[in-house]
Amino acid sequence: MPHRPTRDWDEDDWDEESPAEDDEEPTERCPHCGHEVHEEAQMCPYCENWITEEEDLPTRRPLWFVLTTVVCLLIVILWIFGH
C-alpha cells in the first residue's frame, strides 16, 4: 500500500480569504472611479482625482434651475390653454 502523507494543518484553520485581512488598513471607495483607496488618502492613485468631503455633489437642484423650469412650464401651459 502507498504511504499517505500526513497533513500538518487542520481544515478548520484554513482561511480562504486573505490571511493578512486583519492587518489591512481601512479603505473606502473613490467617489470618481470606484477603486478601493486608503481611508486617509487625499488623492486617488488610480484616477488621480482629489478625494475630499467638499467635492460631494449637491443633493438638491440649484434654485435657478427650479425657477427656470417652473417659468418654462407656465409659459407652455399659458400658450396651450391661451388659444
C-alpha atoms as a PDB file:
ATOM      1  CA  MET A   1       0.000   0.000   0.000  1.00  0.00           C
ATOM      2  CA  PRO A   2       1.218   3.501  -0.781  1.00  0.00           C
ATOM      3  CA  HIS A   3       2.029   5.707   2.127  1.00  0.00           C
ATOM      4  CA  ARG A   4      -0.366   8.660   2.569  1.00  0.00           C
ATOM      5  CA  PRO A   5       1.323  11.841   3.687  1.00  0.00           C
ATOM      6  CA  THR A   6       0.025  13.323   6.901  1.00  0.00           C
ATOM      7  CA  ARG A   7      -1.403  16.805   6.962  1.00  0.00           C
ATOM      8  CA  ASP A   8       0.211  19.318   9.232  1.00  0.00           C
ATOM      9  CA  TRP A   9      -2.758  21.735   9.093  1.00  0.00           C
ATOM     10  CA  ASP A  10      -6.334  21.416  10.162  1.00  0.00           C
ATOM     11  CA  GLU A  11      -9.159  22.159   7.693  1.00  0.00           C
ATOM     12  CA  ASP A  12     -10.854  24.328  10.327  1.00  0.00           C
ATOM     13  CA  ASP A  13      -7.780  26.556  10.366  1.00  0.00           C
ATOM     14  CA  TRP A  14      -7.883  27.098   6.599  1.00  0.00           C
ATOM     15  CA  ASP A  15      -8.890  30.643   5.721  1.00  0.00           C
ATOM     16  CA  GLU A  16      -9.946  31.039   2.090  1.00  0.00           C
ATOM     17  CA  GLU A  17      -9.761  34.813   2.336  1.00  0.00           C
ATOM     18  CA  SER A  18      -6.599  36.825   2.573  1.00  0.00           C
ATOM     19  CA  PRO A  19      -4.502  35.661   5.524  1.00  0.00           C
ATOM     20  CA  ALA A  20      -3.494  39.240   6.321  1.00  0.00           C
ATOM     21  CA  GLU A  21      -7.069  40.545   6.302  1.00  0.00           C
ATOM     22  CA  ASP A  22      -6.838  41.650   9.933  1.00  0.00           C
ATOM     23  CA  ASP A  23      -3.649  43.599   9.174  1.00  0.00           C
ATOM     24  CA  GLU A  24      -5.142  45.596   6.294  1.00  0.00           C
ATOM     25  CA  GLU A  25      -5.615  49.297   6.733  1.00  0.00           C
ATOM     26  CA  PRO A  26      -9.150  50.758   6.418  1.00  0.00           C
ATOM     27  CA  THR A  27     -10.178  51.626   2.884  1.00  0.00           C
ATOM     28  CA  GLU A  28     -13.040  53.385   1.160  1.00  0.00           C
ATOM     29  CA  ARG A  29     -14.209  53.617  -2.440  1.00  0.00           C
ATOM     30  CA  CYS A  30     -13.065  56.505  -4.610  1.00  0.00           C
ATOM     31  CA  PRO A  31     -16.162  58.589  -5.482  1.00  0.00           C
ATOM     32  CA  HIS A  32     -14.796  59.128  -9.006  1.00  0.00           C
ATOM     33  CA  CYS A  33     -13.556  55.710 -10.214  1.00  0.00           C
ATOM     34  CA  GLY A  34     -14.774  53.270  -7.534  1.00  0.00           C
ATOM     35  CA  HIS A  35     -11.380  51.715  -6.687  1.00  0.00           C
ATOM     36  CA  GLU A  36     -10.569  50.914  -3.068  1.00  0.00           C
ATOM     37  CA  VAL A  37      -8.156  53.510  -1.680  1.00  0.00           C
ATOM     38  CA  HIS A  38      -6.655  54.106   1.755  1.00  0.00           C
ATOM     39  CA  GLU A  39      -9.133  55.840   4.038  1.00  0.00           C
ATOM     40  CA  GLU A  40      -6.749  58.717   4.747  1.00  0.00           C
ATOM     41  CA  ALA A  41      -5.777  59.243   1.072  1.00  0.00           C
ATOM     42  CA  GLN A  42      -6.219  62.759  -0.229  1.00  0.00           C
ATOM     43  CA  MET A  43      -5.826  61.746  -3.888  1.00  0.00           C
ATOM     44  CA  CYS A  44      -6.852  58.532  -5.658  1.00  0.00           C
ATOM     45  CA  PRO A  45      -3.753  56.734  -7.023  1.00  0.00           C
ATOM     46  CA  TYR A  46      -5.827  55.215  -9.847  1.00  0.00           C
ATOM     47  CA  CYS A  47      -7.721  58.160 -11.381  1.00  0.00           C
ATOM     48  CA  GLU A  48      -5.606  60.906  -9.707  1.00  0.00           C
ATOM     49  CA  ASN A  49      -8.687  62.894  -8.600  1.00  0.00           C
ATOM     50  CA  TRP A  50      -8.751  64.611  -5.234  1.00  0.00           C
ATOM     51  CA  ILE A  51     -10.830  62.907  -2.563  1.00  0.00           C
ATOM     52  CA  THR A  52     -12.395  65.419  -0.199  1.00  0.00           C
ATOM     53  CA  GLU A  53     -15.724  65.743   1.523  1.00  0.00           C
ATOM     54  CA  GLU A  54     -16.188  69.149  -0.097  1.00  0.00           C
ATOM     55  CA  GLU A  55     -16.384  67.512  -3.540  1.00  0.00           C
ATOM     56  CA  ASP A  56     -19.637  65.735  -2.702  1.00  0.00           C
ATOM     57  CA  LEU A  57     -22.244  66.518  -5.311  1.00  0.00           C
ATOM     58  CA  PRO A  58     -25.157  68.626  -4.115  1.00  0.00           C
ATOM     59  CA  THR A  59     -28.266  66.593  -3.383  1.00  0.00           C
ATOM     60  CA  ARG A  60     -30.685  69.383  -4.366  1.00  0.00           C
ATOM     61  CA  ARG A  61     -31.072  71.216  -7.650  1.00  0.00           C
ATOM     62  CA  PRO A  62     -29.945  74.845  -7.655  1.00  0.00           C
ATOM     63  CA  LEU A  63     -32.696  77.406  -7.128  1.00  0.00           C
ATOM     64  CA  TRP A  64     -32.162  78.987 -10.561  1.00  0.00           C
ATOM     65  CA  PHE A  65     -32.779  75.623 -12.231  1.00  0.00           C
ATOM     66  CA  VAL A  66     -36.057  75.072 -10.374  1.00  0.00           C
ATOM     67  CA  LEU A  67     -37.309  78.611 -11.082  1.00  0.00           C
ATOM     68  CA  THR A  68     -36.405  78.376 -14.781  1.00  0.00           C
ATOM     69  CA  THR A  69     -38.247  75.062 -15.085  1.00  0.00           C
ATOM     70  CA  VAL A  70     -41.369  76.443 -13.385  1.00  0.00           C
ATOM     71  CA  VAL A  71     -41.402  79.565 -15.594  1.00  0.00           C
ATOM     72  CA  CYS A  72     -40.998  77.462 -18.754  1.00  0.00           C
ATOM     73  CA  LEU A  73     -43.834  75.180 -17.706  1.00  0.00           C
ATOM     74  CA  LEU A  74     -46.088  78.170 -17.012  1.00  0.00           C
ATOM     75  CA  ILE A  75     -45.313  79.617 -20.447  1.00  0.00           C
ATOM     76  CA  VAL A  76     -46.155  76.298 -22.134  1.00  0.00           C
ATOM     77  CA  ILE A  77     -49.409  75.926 -20.157  1.00  0.00           C
ATOM     78  CA  LEU A  78     -50.478  79.521 -20.933  1.00  0.00           C
ATOM     79  CA  TRP A  79     -49.615  79.025 -24.628  1.00  0.00           C
ATOM     80  CA  ILE A  80     -51.630  75.779 -24.852  1.00  0.00           C
ATOM     81  CA  PHE A  81     -54.728  76.987 -22.976  1.00  0.00           C
ATOM     82  CA  GLY A  82     -54.474  80.632 -24.062  1.00  0.00           C
ATOM     83  CA  HIS A  83     -55.524  79.964 -27.634  1.00  0.00           C
END
